[in-house]
Amino acid sequence: MKKNMGTADRTIRVLAAILIAILYFTDVISGVLAIILGIIALAFLITSFIGSCPVYLPMGISTAKKESK
């Protein structure tokens, strides 16, 4: 899969996932909301480590820096 996420995008996603985890473990969120946000946090972490976001592909979005030749 072609990388389409830049460093800033990946960092923001990891920080959002950490924030969701903190909110969950401090009992600020619970129930269905916690499950939904947990799934989103997991997706954020996976896409950040892979460096590619499948949602960006159909829209042609890329936050990655262009490679100079």
C-alpha atoms as a PDB file:
ATOM      1  CA  MET A   1       0.000   0.000   0.000  1.00  0.00           C
ATOM      2  CA  LYS A   2       1.366   3.403  -0.961  1.00  0.00           C
ATOM      3  CA  LYS A   3       2.176   5.703   1.952  1.00  0.00           C
ATOM      4  CA  ASN A   4      -0.105   8.720   1.950  1.00  0.00           C
ATOM      5  CA  MET A   5       0.315  10.092   5.475  1.00  0.00           C
ATOM      6  CA  GLY A   6       2.841  12.686   6.531  1.00  0.00           C
ATOM      7  CA  THR A   7       4.590  12.972   9.872  1.00  0.00           C
ATOM      8  CA  ALA A   8       2.197  15.577  11.268  1.00  0.00           C
ATOM      9  CA  ASP A   9      -0.849  13.493  10.302  1.00  0.00           C
ATOM     10  CA  ARG A  10       0.616  10.388  11.925  1.00  0.00           C
ATOM     11  CA  THR A  11       1.569  12.279  15.094  1.00  0.00           C
ATOM     12  CA  ILE A  12      -1.900  13.780  15.471  1.00  0.00           C
ATOM     13  CA  ARG A  13      -3.498  10.350  15.094  1.00  0.00           C
ATOM     14  CA  VAL A  14      -1.247   8.795  17.744  1.00  0.00           C
ATOM     15  CA  LEU A  15      -1.914  11.680  20.142  1.00  0.00           C
ATOM     16  CA  ALA A  16      -5.676  11.353  19.563  1.00  0.00           C
ATOM     17  CA  ALA A  17      -5.483   7.620  20.308  1.00  0.00           C
ATOM     18  CA  ILE A  18      -3.541   8.320  23.517  1.00  0.00           C
ATOM     19  CA  LEU A  19      -6.109  10.918  24.557  1.00  0.00           C
ATOM     20  CA  ILE A  20      -8.953   8.445  23.989  1.00  0.00           C
ATOM     21  CA  ALA A  21      -7.102   5.834  26.083  1.00  0.00           C
ATOM     22  CA  ILE A  22      -6.591   8.332  28.912  1.00  0.00           C
ATOM     23  CA  LEU A  23     -10.270   9.303  28.843  1.00  0.00           C
ATOM     24  CA  TYR A  24     -11.251   5.633  28.996  1.00  0.00           C
ATOM     25  CA  PHE A  25      -8.918   4.664  31.840  1.00  0.00           C
ATOM     26  CA  THR A  26      -9.944   7.694  33.923  1.00  0.00           C
ATOM     27  CA  ASP A  27     -13.634   6.725  33.476  1.00  0.00           C
ATOM     28  CA  VAL A  28     -14.509   9.916  31.628  1.00  0.00           C
ATOM     29  CA  ILE A  29     -15.984   7.852  28.788  1.00  0.00           C
ATOM     30  CA  SER A  30     -17.746   4.506  29.106  1.00  0.00           C
ATOM     31  CA  GLY A  31     -20.314   2.268  27.474  1.00  0.00           C
ATOM     32  CA  VAL A  32     -21.050   2.455  23.776  1.00  0.00           C
ATOM     33  CA  LEU A  33     -19.125   5.727  23.376  1.00  0.00           C
ATOM     34  CA  ALA A  34     -16.004   4.105  24.824  1.00  0.00           C
ATOM     35  CA  ILE A  35     -16.321   1.152  22.440  1.00  0.00           C
ATOM     36  CA  ILE A  36     -16.762   3.372  19.387  1.00  0.00           C
ATOM     37  CA  LEU A  37     -13.885   5.668  20.356  1.00  0.00           C
ATOM     38  CA  GLY A  38     -11.730   2.633  21.174  1.00  0.00           C
ATOM     39  CA  ILE A  39     -12.256   1.266  17.674  1.00  0.00           C
ATOM     40  CA  ILE A  40     -11.410   4.660  16.192  1.00  0.00           C
ATOM     41  CA  ALA A  41      -8.271   4.877  18.369  1.00  0.00           C
ATOM     42  CA  LEU A  42      -7.188   1.419  17.236  1.00  0.00           C
ATOM     43  CA  ALA A  43      -7.718   2.396  13.583  1.00  0.00           C
ATOM     44  CA  PHE A  44      -5.709   5.593  14.168  1.00  0.00           C
ATOM     45  CA  LEU A  45      -2.808   3.605  15.645  1.00  0.00           C
ATOM     46  CA  ILE A  46      -2.792   1.004  12.871  1.00  0.00           C
ATOM     47  CA  THR A  47      -2.909   3.579  10.075  1.00  0.00           C
ATOM     48  CA  SER A  48      -0.225   5.663  11.794  1.00  0.00           C
ATOM     49  CA  PHE A  49       2.205   2.756  12.015  1.00  0.00           C
ATOM     50  CA  ILE A  50       1.468   1.622   8.460  1.00  0.00           C
ATOM     51  CA  GLY A  51       1.671   5.185   7.129  1.00  0.00           C
ATOM     52  CA  SER A  52      -1.293   4.750   4.824  1.00  0.00           C
ATOM     53  CA  CYS A  53      -4.937   5.673   5.304  1.00  0.00           C
ATOM     54  CA  PRO A  54      -7.427   3.694   3.178  1.00  0.00           C
ATOM     55  CA  VAL A  55      -9.996   6.511   3.448  1.00  0.00           C
ATOM     56  CA  TYR A  56      -7.573   8.889   1.710  1.00  0.00           C
ATOM     57  CA  LEU A  57      -7.122   6.621  -1.336  1.00  0.00           C
ATOM     58  CA  PRO A  58     -10.494   7.112  -3.108  1.00  0.00           C
ATOM     59  CA  MET A  59     -10.345  10.858  -2.480  1.00  0.00           C
ATOM     60  CA  GLY A  60      -6.767  11.183  -3.719  1.00  0.00           C
ATOM     61  CA  ILE A  61      -5.608  12.845  -0.497  1.00  0.00           C
ATOM     62  CA  SER A  62      -1.973  12.618   0.547  1.00  0.00           C
ATOM     63  CA  THR A  63      -0.331  14.430   3.440  1.00  0.00           C
ATOM     64  CA  ALA A  64       3.042  12.797   2.724  1.00  0.00           C
ATOM     65  CA  LYS A  65       5.871  14.931   1.426  1.00  0.00           C
ATOM     66  CA  LYS A  66       6.568  14.559  -2.272  1.00  0.00           C
ATOM     67  CA  GLU A  67       9.766  12.698  -3.074  1.00  0.00           C
ATOM     68  CA  SER A  68      12.237  14.798  -5.020  1.00  0.00           C
ATOM     69  CA  LYS A  69      14.180  13.063  -7.779  1.00  0.00           C
END
